[in-house]
Amino acid sequence: MRQVFLDTETTGLSPDNGDRLVELGCVEMVNRRLTGRNLHFYLNPQRPNSEEAVRVHGLTDEFLADKPLFATVAEEFIEYLRGAEVIIHNAAFDVGFLDAEFRRVHRPGVATLACGIVDTLAMAREACSVSRRCRMASPASGSMLKVTMRRPAVNTTTIQTAASTRGDGSPWNNRSNTPRRRSQLITSMSPKPARICARNSVG
């Protein structure tokens, strides 16, 4: 099984209002093992960031000015994504932005390219719901399922987006002129993760 853990950063909250991607990071696993074949791009959004977005991801307009356009990296990203099960925290948000970018370059959306989409936010909500029901059924048991709720994170195993290299192959951890990387993808590596979104449907 090939899985791609995916995370994005954006200029704002709404692709329908013209907000764009500014960062794209992917980590690949095959048969539940990290392959080291990761993908990472900073992107020129061709529009200003919102102040709120910059406070979250730290990627200023000046820093992004000389970065590639999404159209420049689209084919590489499409081939990387094709046929994989894609795992995203709050999938509706990221997929909405990705599909908007794909439409601009006349390419199919994530649900068409991937073999399935797993939303770890939905998994976390389901786990919290199960935990609450268990506590109500057996309040004296002292057993609780702990789920960390912070974007973009769920549960136990930490995977750094673009773990070792930038999109151009150079080590991104050694950048001196780049804002500190905020996000990590954290997901539980259970043997059979629940499919939250139907295959080939964002839902």
C-alpha atoms as a PDB file:
ATOM      1  CA  MET A   1       0.000   0.000   0.000  1.00  0.00           C
ATOM      2  CA  ARG A   2       1.314   3.425  -0.949  1.00  0.00           C
ATOM      3  CA  GLN A   3       0.250   6.356   1.244  1.00  0.00           C
ATOM      4  CA  VAL A   4       0.979  10.059   0.977  1.00  0.00           C
ATOM      5  CA  PHE A   5       0.660  12.286   4.037  1.00  0.00           C
ATOM      6  CA  LEU A   6      -0.116  15.759   2.773  1.00  0.00           C
ATOM      7  CA  ASP A   7      -0.259  19.247   4.274  1.00  0.00           C
ATOM      8  CA  THR A   8      -0.618  22.735   2.822  1.00  0.00           C
ATOM      9  CA  GLU A   9      -0.285  26.368   3.841  1.00  0.00           C
ATOM     10  CA  THR A  10      -2.366  29.086   2.194  1.00  0.00           C
ATOM     11  CA  THR A  11      -2.835  32.851   1.874  1.00  0.00           C
ATOM     12  CA  GLY A  12      -6.158  32.650   3.710  1.00  0.00           C
ATOM     13  CA  LEU A  13      -9.173  30.485   4.380  1.00  0.00           C
ATOM     14  CA  SER A  14     -11.203  30.453   1.163  1.00  0.00           C
ATOM     15  CA  PRO A  15     -10.192  29.285  -2.315  1.00  0.00           C
ATOM     16  CA  ASP A  16     -13.570  30.532  -3.529  1.00  0.00           C
ATOM     17  CA  ASN A  17     -12.473  34.062  -2.586  1.00  0.00           C
ATOM     18  CA  GLY A  18      -9.187  33.709  -4.458  1.00  0.00           C
ATOM     19  CA  ASP A  19      -6.884  32.480  -1.674  1.00  0.00           C
ATOM     20  CA  ARG A  20      -4.008  30.347  -2.948  1.00  0.00           C
ATOM     21  CA  LEU A  21      -1.469  27.761  -1.826  1.00  0.00           C
ATOM     22  CA  VAL A  22       1.883  29.026  -0.536  1.00  0.00           C
ATOM     23  CA  GLU A  23       3.378  25.713   0.617  1.00  0.00           C
ATOM     24  CA  LEU A  24       2.857  22.070  -0.208  1.00  0.00           C
ATOM     25  CA  GLY A  25       4.466  19.175   1.641  1.00  0.00           C
ATOM     26  CA  CYS A  26       4.119  15.416   1.226  1.00  0.00           C
ATOM     27  CA  VAL A  27       5.631  12.380   2.953  1.00  0.00           C
ATOM     28  CA  GLU A  28       5.449   8.942   1.331  1.00  0.00           C
ATOM     29  CA  MET A  29       4.981   5.601   3.069  1.00  0.00           C
ATOM     30  CA  VAL A  30       4.892   2.195   1.391  1.00  0.00           C
ATOM     31  CA  ASN A  31       3.597  -0.724   3.436  1.00  0.00           C
ATOM     32  CA  ARG A  32       3.640   1.522   6.549  1.00  0.00           C
ATOM     33  CA  ARG A  33       7.304   2.385   6.163  1.00  0.00           C
ATOM     34  CA  LEU A  34       8.797   5.768   5.372  1.00  0.00           C
ATOM     35  CA  THR A  35      10.487   5.708   1.973  1.00  0.00           C
ATOM     36  CA  GLY A  36      12.299   9.051   2.163  1.00  0.00           C
ATOM     37  CA  ARG A  37      10.698  10.026  -1.147  1.00  0.00           C
ATOM     38  CA  ASN A  38       9.141  13.280   0.004  1.00  0.00           C
ATOM     39  CA  LEU A  39       7.918  16.307  -1.897  1.00  0.00           C
ATOM     40  CA  HIS A  40       8.056  19.925  -0.739  1.00  0.00           C
ATOM     41  CA  PHE A  41       7.465  23.236  -2.487  1.00  0.00           C
ATOM     42  CA  TYR A  42       7.090  26.859  -1.526  1.00  0.00           C
ATOM     43  CA  LEU A  43       4.797  28.548  -4.046  1.00  0.00           C
ATOM     44  CA  ASN A  44       4.299  32.078  -5.296  1.00  0.00           C
ATOM     45  CA  PRO A  45       0.542  32.644  -4.818  1.00  0.00           C
ATOM     46  CA  GLN A  46       0.433  35.683  -7.143  1.00  0.00           C
ATOM     47  CA  ARG A  47      -1.504  37.561  -4.512  1.00  0.00           C
ATOM     48  CA  PRO A  48      -0.781  38.977  -1.029  1.00  0.00           C
ATOM     49  CA  ASN A  49      -1.005  36.839   2.104  1.00  0.00           C
ATOM     50  CA  SER A  50      -3.522  37.807   4.743  1.00  0.00           C
ATOM     51  CA  GLU A  51      -1.973  39.047   7.987  1.00  0.00           C
ATOM     52  CA  GLU A  52      -3.678  36.223   9.861  1.00  0.00           C
ATOM     53  CA  ALA A  53      -2.149  33.605   7.545  1.00  0.00           C
ATOM     54  CA  VAL A  54       1.360  35.021   7.932  1.00  0.00           C
ATOM     55  CA  ARG A  55       0.974  34.859  11.714  1.00  0.00           C
ATOM     56  CA  VAL A  56       0.230  31.134  11.330  1.00  0.00           C
ATOM     57  CA  HIS A  57       2.836  30.010   8.787  1.00  0.00           C
ATOM     58  CA  GLY A  58       5.390  32.854   8.781  1.00  0.00           C
ATOM     59  CA  LEU A  59       5.778  32.838   4.982  1.00  0.00           C
ATOM     60  CA  THR A  60       5.908  36.482   3.938  1.00  0.00           C
ATOM     61  CA  ASP A  61       5.122  37.919   0.508  1.00  0.00           C
ATOM     62  CA  GLU A  62       8.781  38.874   0.153  1.00  0.00           C
ATOM     63  CA  PHE A  63       9.952  35.326   0.851  1.00  0.00           C
ATOM     64  CA  LEU A  64       7.473  33.838  -1.646  1.00  0.00           C
ATOM     65  CA  ALA A  65       8.108  36.367  -4.437  1.00  0.00           C
ATOM     66  CA  ASP A  66      10.778  34.286  -6.219  1.00  0.00           C
ATOM     67  CA  LYS A  67       9.194  30.868  -5.623  1.00  0.00           C
ATOM     68  CA  PRO A  68       7.683  28.795  -8.467  1.00  0.00           C
ATOM     69  CA  LEU A  69       4.054  29.024  -9.506  1.00  0.00           C
ATOM     70  CA  PHE A  70       1.796  26.046  -8.891  1.00  0.00           C
ATOM     71  CA  ALA A  71       1.540  25.562 -12.653  1.00  0.00           C
ATOM     72  CA  THR A  72       5.303  24.989 -12.752  1.00  0.00           C
ATOM     73  CA  VAL A  73       5.221  22.091 -10.275  1.00  0.00           C
ATOM     74  CA  ALA A  74       1.751  20.721 -11.082  1.00  0.00           C
ATOM     75  CA  GLU A  75       2.837  17.798 -13.278  1.00  0.00           C
ATOM     76  CA  GLU A  76       5.461  16.607 -10.795  1.00  0.00           C
ATOM     77  CA  PHE A  77       2.910  16.798  -7.997  1.00  0.00           C
ATOM     78  CA  ILE A  78       0.257  14.988 -10.034  1.00  0.00           C
ATOM     79  CA  GLU A  79       2.582  12.079 -10.803  1.00  0.00           C
ATOM     80  CA  TYR A  80       3.635  11.892  -7.153  1.00  0.00           C
ATOM     81  CA  LEU A  81       0.013  11.802  -5.977  1.00  0.00           C
ATOM     82  CA  ARG A  82      -1.364   9.459  -8.614  1.00  0.00           C
ATOM     83  CA  GLY A  83      -2.708   6.167  -7.257  1.00  0.00           C
ATOM     84  CA  ALA A  84      -1.803   6.828  -3.602  1.00  0.00           C
ATOM     85  CA  GLU A  85      -4.045   6.821  -0.576  1.00  0.00           C
ATOM     86  CA  VAL A  86      -3.845  10.416   0.620  1.00  0.00           C
ATOM     87  CA  ILE A  87      -3.972  11.169   4.352  1.00  0.00           C
ATOM     88  CA  ILE A  88      -4.827  14.751   5.343  1.00  0.00           C
ATOM     89  CA  HIS A  89      -5.867  16.447   8.560  1.00  0.00           C
ATOM     90  CA  ASN A  90      -9.055  18.393   7.800  1.00  0.00           C
ATOM     91  CA  ALA A  91      -9.171  17.048   4.254  1.00  0.00           C
ATOM     92  CA  ALA A  92     -11.991  19.315   3.060  1.00  0.00           C
ATOM     93  CA  PHE A  93      -9.788  22.382   3.601  1.00  0.00           C
ATOM     94  CA  ASP A  94      -6.674  21.115   1.817  1.00  0.00           C
ATOM     95  CA  VAL A  95      -8.543  19.314  -0.958  1.00  0.00           C
ATOM     96  CA  GLY A  96     -10.601  22.442  -1.633  1.00  0.00           C
ATOM     97  CA  PHE A  97      -7.427  24.451  -2.202  1.00  0.00           C
ATOM     98  CA  LEU A  98      -5.700  21.728  -4.203  1.00  0.00           C
ATOM     99  CA  ASP A  99      -8.694  21.214  -6.474  1.00  0.00           C
ATOM    100  CA  ALA A 100      -8.904  24.971  -7.088  1.00  0.00           C
ATOM    101  CA  GLU A 101      -5.238  24.969  -8.139  1.00  0.00           C
ATOM    102  CA  PHE A 102      -5.777  21.928 -10.377  1.00  0.00           C
ATOM    103  CA  ARG A 103      -8.724  23.638 -12.091  1.00  0.00           C
ATOM    104  CA  ARG A 104      -6.491  26.596 -12.953  1.00  0.00           C
ATOM    105  CA  VAL A 105      -4.150  24.284 -14.871  1.00  0.00           C
ATOM    106  CA  HIS A 106      -6.982  22.141 -16.288  1.00  0.00           C
ATOM    107  CA  ARG A 107      -6.061  19.004 -14.405  1.00  0.00           C
ATOM    108  CA  PRO A 108      -8.246  16.486 -12.482  1.00  0.00           C
ATOM    109  CA  GLY A 109      -8.882  16.868  -8.761  1.00  0.00           C
ATOM    110  CA  VAL A 110      -7.409  14.981  -5.827  1.00  0.00           C
ATOM    111  CA  ALA A 111     -10.240  12.432  -5.623  1.00  0.00           C
ATOM    112  CA  THR A 112      -9.629  11.447  -9.244  1.00  0.00           C
ATOM    113  CA  LEU A 113      -5.849  11.199  -8.895  1.00  0.00           C
ATOM    114  CA  ALA A 114      -5.757   9.369  -5.547  1.00  0.00           C
ATOM    115  CA  CYS A 115      -7.111   5.910  -4.816  1.00  0.00           C
ATOM    116  CA  GLY A 116      -8.663   7.203  -1.600  1.00  0.00           C
ATOM    117  CA  ILE A 117      -8.707  10.080   0.899  1.00  0.00           C
ATOM    118  CA  VAL A 118      -8.420   9.621   4.668  1.00  0.00           C
ATOM    119  CA  ASP A 119      -9.366  12.571   6.889  1.00  0.00           C
ATOM    120  CA  THR A 120      -7.588  12.304  10.244  1.00  0.00           C
ATOM    121  CA  LEU A 121      -9.711  15.120  11.687  1.00  0.00           C
ATOM    122  CA  ALA A 122     -12.785  12.932  11.194  1.00  0.00           C
ATOM    123  CA  MET A 123     -10.850  10.036  12.755  1.00  0.00           C
ATOM    124  CA  ALA A 124     -10.035  12.170  15.795  1.00  0.00           C
ATOM    125  CA  ARG A 125     -13.619  13.303  16.203  1.00  0.00           C
ATOM    126  CA  GLU A 126     -14.788   9.708  15.987  1.00  0.00           C
ATOM    127  CA  ALA A 127     -12.201   8.654  18.569  1.00  0.00           C
ATOM    128  CA  CYS A 128     -13.272  11.453  20.916  1.00  0.00           C
ATOM    129  CA  SER A 129     -16.892  10.433  20.508  1.00  0.00           C
ATOM    130  CA  VAL A 130     -16.032   6.800  21.340  1.00  0.00           C
ATOM    131  CA  SER A 131     -14.035   7.969  24.363  1.00  0.00           C
ATOM    132  CA  ARG A 132     -16.956  10.030  25.678  1.00  0.00           C
ATOM    133  CA  ARG A 133     -19.355   7.109  25.232  1.00  0.00           C
ATOM    134  CA  CYS A 134     -16.963   4.754  27.036  1.00  0.00           C
ATOM    135  CA  ARG A 135     -16.595   7.162  29.969  1.00  0.00           C
ATOM    136  CA  MET A 136     -20.379   7.501  30.242  1.00  0.00           C
ATOM    137  CA  ALA A 137     -20.816   3.722  30.164  1.00  0.00           C
ATOM    138  CA  SER A 138     -18.027   3.030  32.667  1.00  0.00           C
ATOM    139  CA  PRO A 139     -17.062   6.210  34.563  1.00  0.00           C
ATOM    140  CA  ALA A 140     -15.087   4.306  37.196  1.00  0.00           C
ATOM    141  CA  SER A 141     -12.889   2.449  34.762  1.00  0.00           C
ATOM    142  CA  GLY A 142     -10.275   5.188  34.623  1.00  0.00           C
ATOM    143  CA  SER A 143      -9.526   4.271  31.027  1.00  0.00           C
ATOM    144  CA  MET A 144      -9.584   7.116  28.532  1.00  0.00           C
ATOM    145  CA  LEU A 145      -8.479   7.453  24.948  1.00  0.00           C
ATOM    146  CA  LYS A 146      -6.280  10.530  24.631  1.00  0.00           C
ATOM    147  CA  VAL A 147      -6.355  12.390  21.342  1.00  0.00           C
ATOM    148  CA  THR A 148      -4.332  15.528  20.748  1.00  0.00           C
ATOM    149  CA  MET A 149      -6.350  18.082  18.771  1.00  0.00           C
ATOM    150  CA  ARG A 150      -4.083  20.635  17.110  1.00  0.00           C
ATOM    151  CA  ARG A 151      -3.765  21.404  13.449  1.00  0.00           C
ATOM    152  CA  PRO A 152      -2.420  19.521  11.599  1.00  0.00           C
ATOM    153  CA  ALA A 153      -2.113  16.721  14.151  1.00  0.00           C
ATOM    154  CA  VAL A 154      -3.757  13.588  15.364  1.00  0.00           C
ATOM    155  CA  ASN A 155      -2.280  11.044  17.746  1.00  0.00           C
ATOM    156  CA  THR A 156       0.967   9.258  18.061  1.00  0.00           C
ATOM    157  CA  THR A 157       3.464   9.112  15.177  1.00  0.00           C
ATOM    158  CA  THR A 158       5.136  12.333  14.048  1.00  0.00           C
ATOM    159  CA  ILE A 159       6.015  12.785  10.421  1.00  0.00           C
ATOM    160  CA  GLN A 160       7.616  16.061   9.386  1.00  0.00           C
ATOM    161  CA  THR A 161       6.280  17.443   6.168  1.00  0.00           C
ATOM    162  CA  ALA A 162       9.134  17.531   3.663  1.00  0.00           C
ATOM    163  CA  ALA A 163      11.135  15.560   6.179  1.00  0.00           C
ATOM    164  CA  SER A 164      14.636  15.979   4.874  1.00  0.00           C
ATOM    165  CA  THR A 165      14.777  18.013   1.697  1.00  0.00           C
ATOM    166  CA  ARG A 166      13.223  20.969  -0.043  1.00  0.00           C
ATOM    167  CA  GLY A 167      11.614  20.711  -3.457  1.00  0.00           C
ATOM    168  CA  ASP A 168      14.979  21.493  -5.066  1.00  0.00           C
ATOM    169  CA  GLY A 169      16.714  18.688  -3.152  1.00  0.00           C
ATOM    170  CA  SER A 170      18.621  20.873  -0.675  1.00  0.00           C
ATOM    171  CA  PRO A 171      18.287  20.313   3.111  1.00  0.00           C
ATOM    172  CA  TRP A 172      15.439  22.480   4.375  1.00  0.00           C
ATOM    173  CA  ASN A 173      16.382  22.159   8.056  1.00  0.00           C
ATOM    174  CA  ASN A 174      19.547  24.186   7.394  1.00  0.00           C
ATOM    175  CA  ARG A 175      17.895  27.257   5.877  1.00  0.00           C
ATOM    176  CA  SER A 176      19.036  30.411   7.631  1.00  0.00           C
ATOM    177  CA  ASN A 177      16.791  32.794   5.711  1.00  0.00           C
ATOM    178  CA  THR A 178      13.568  30.836   5.904  1.00  0.00           C
ATOM    179  CA  PRO A 179      10.771  31.211   8.466  1.00  0.00           C
ATOM    180  CA  ARG A 180      10.551  28.429  10.997  1.00  0.00           C
ATOM    181  CA  ARG A 181       8.481  25.500   9.772  1.00  0.00           C
ATOM    182  CA  ARG A 182       5.271  25.309  11.796  1.00  0.00           C
ATOM    183  CA  SER A 183       3.377  22.271  10.742  1.00  0.00           C
ATOM    184  CA  GLN A 184       3.814  18.591  11.285  1.00  0.00           C
ATOM    185  CA  LEU A 185       1.651  15.748  10.191  1.00  0.00           C
ATOM    186  CA  ILE A 186       0.923  13.399  13.061  1.00  0.00           C
ATOM    187  CA  THR A 187      -1.204  10.343  12.489  1.00  0.00           C
ATOM    188  CA  SER A 188      -1.815   7.056  14.194  1.00  0.00           C
ATOM    189  CA  MET A 189      -0.332   4.098  12.340  1.00  0.00           C
ATOM    190  CA  SER A 190      -2.989   1.517  13.118  1.00  0.00           C
ATOM    191  CA  PRO A 191      -2.868  -1.567  10.872  1.00  0.00           C
ATOM    192  CA  LYS A 192      -6.142  -0.684   9.109  1.00  0.00           C
ATOM    193  CA  PRO A 193      -7.013   3.027   9.381  1.00  0.00           C
ATOM    194  CA  ALA A 194     -10.658   3.877   8.822  1.00  0.00           C
ATOM    195  CA  ARG A 195     -11.544   5.357   5.450  1.00  0.00           C
ATOM    196  CA  ILE A 196     -13.346   8.520   6.372  1.00  0.00           C
ATOM    197  CA  CYS A 197     -13.931   9.763   2.790  1.00  0.00           C
ATOM    198  CA  ALA A 198     -15.284   7.369   0.206  1.00  0.00           C
ATOM    199  CA  ARG A 199     -12.843   6.276  -2.434  1.00  0.00           C
ATOM    200  CA  ASN A 200     -12.733   8.672  -5.370  1.00  0.00           C
ATOM    201  CA  SER A 201     -15.090  11.022  -3.533  1.00  0.00           C
ATOM    202  CA  VAL A 202     -14.187  13.964  -1.310  1.00  0.00           C
ATOM    203  CA  GLY A 203     -17.629  13.835   0.306  1.00  0.00           C
END
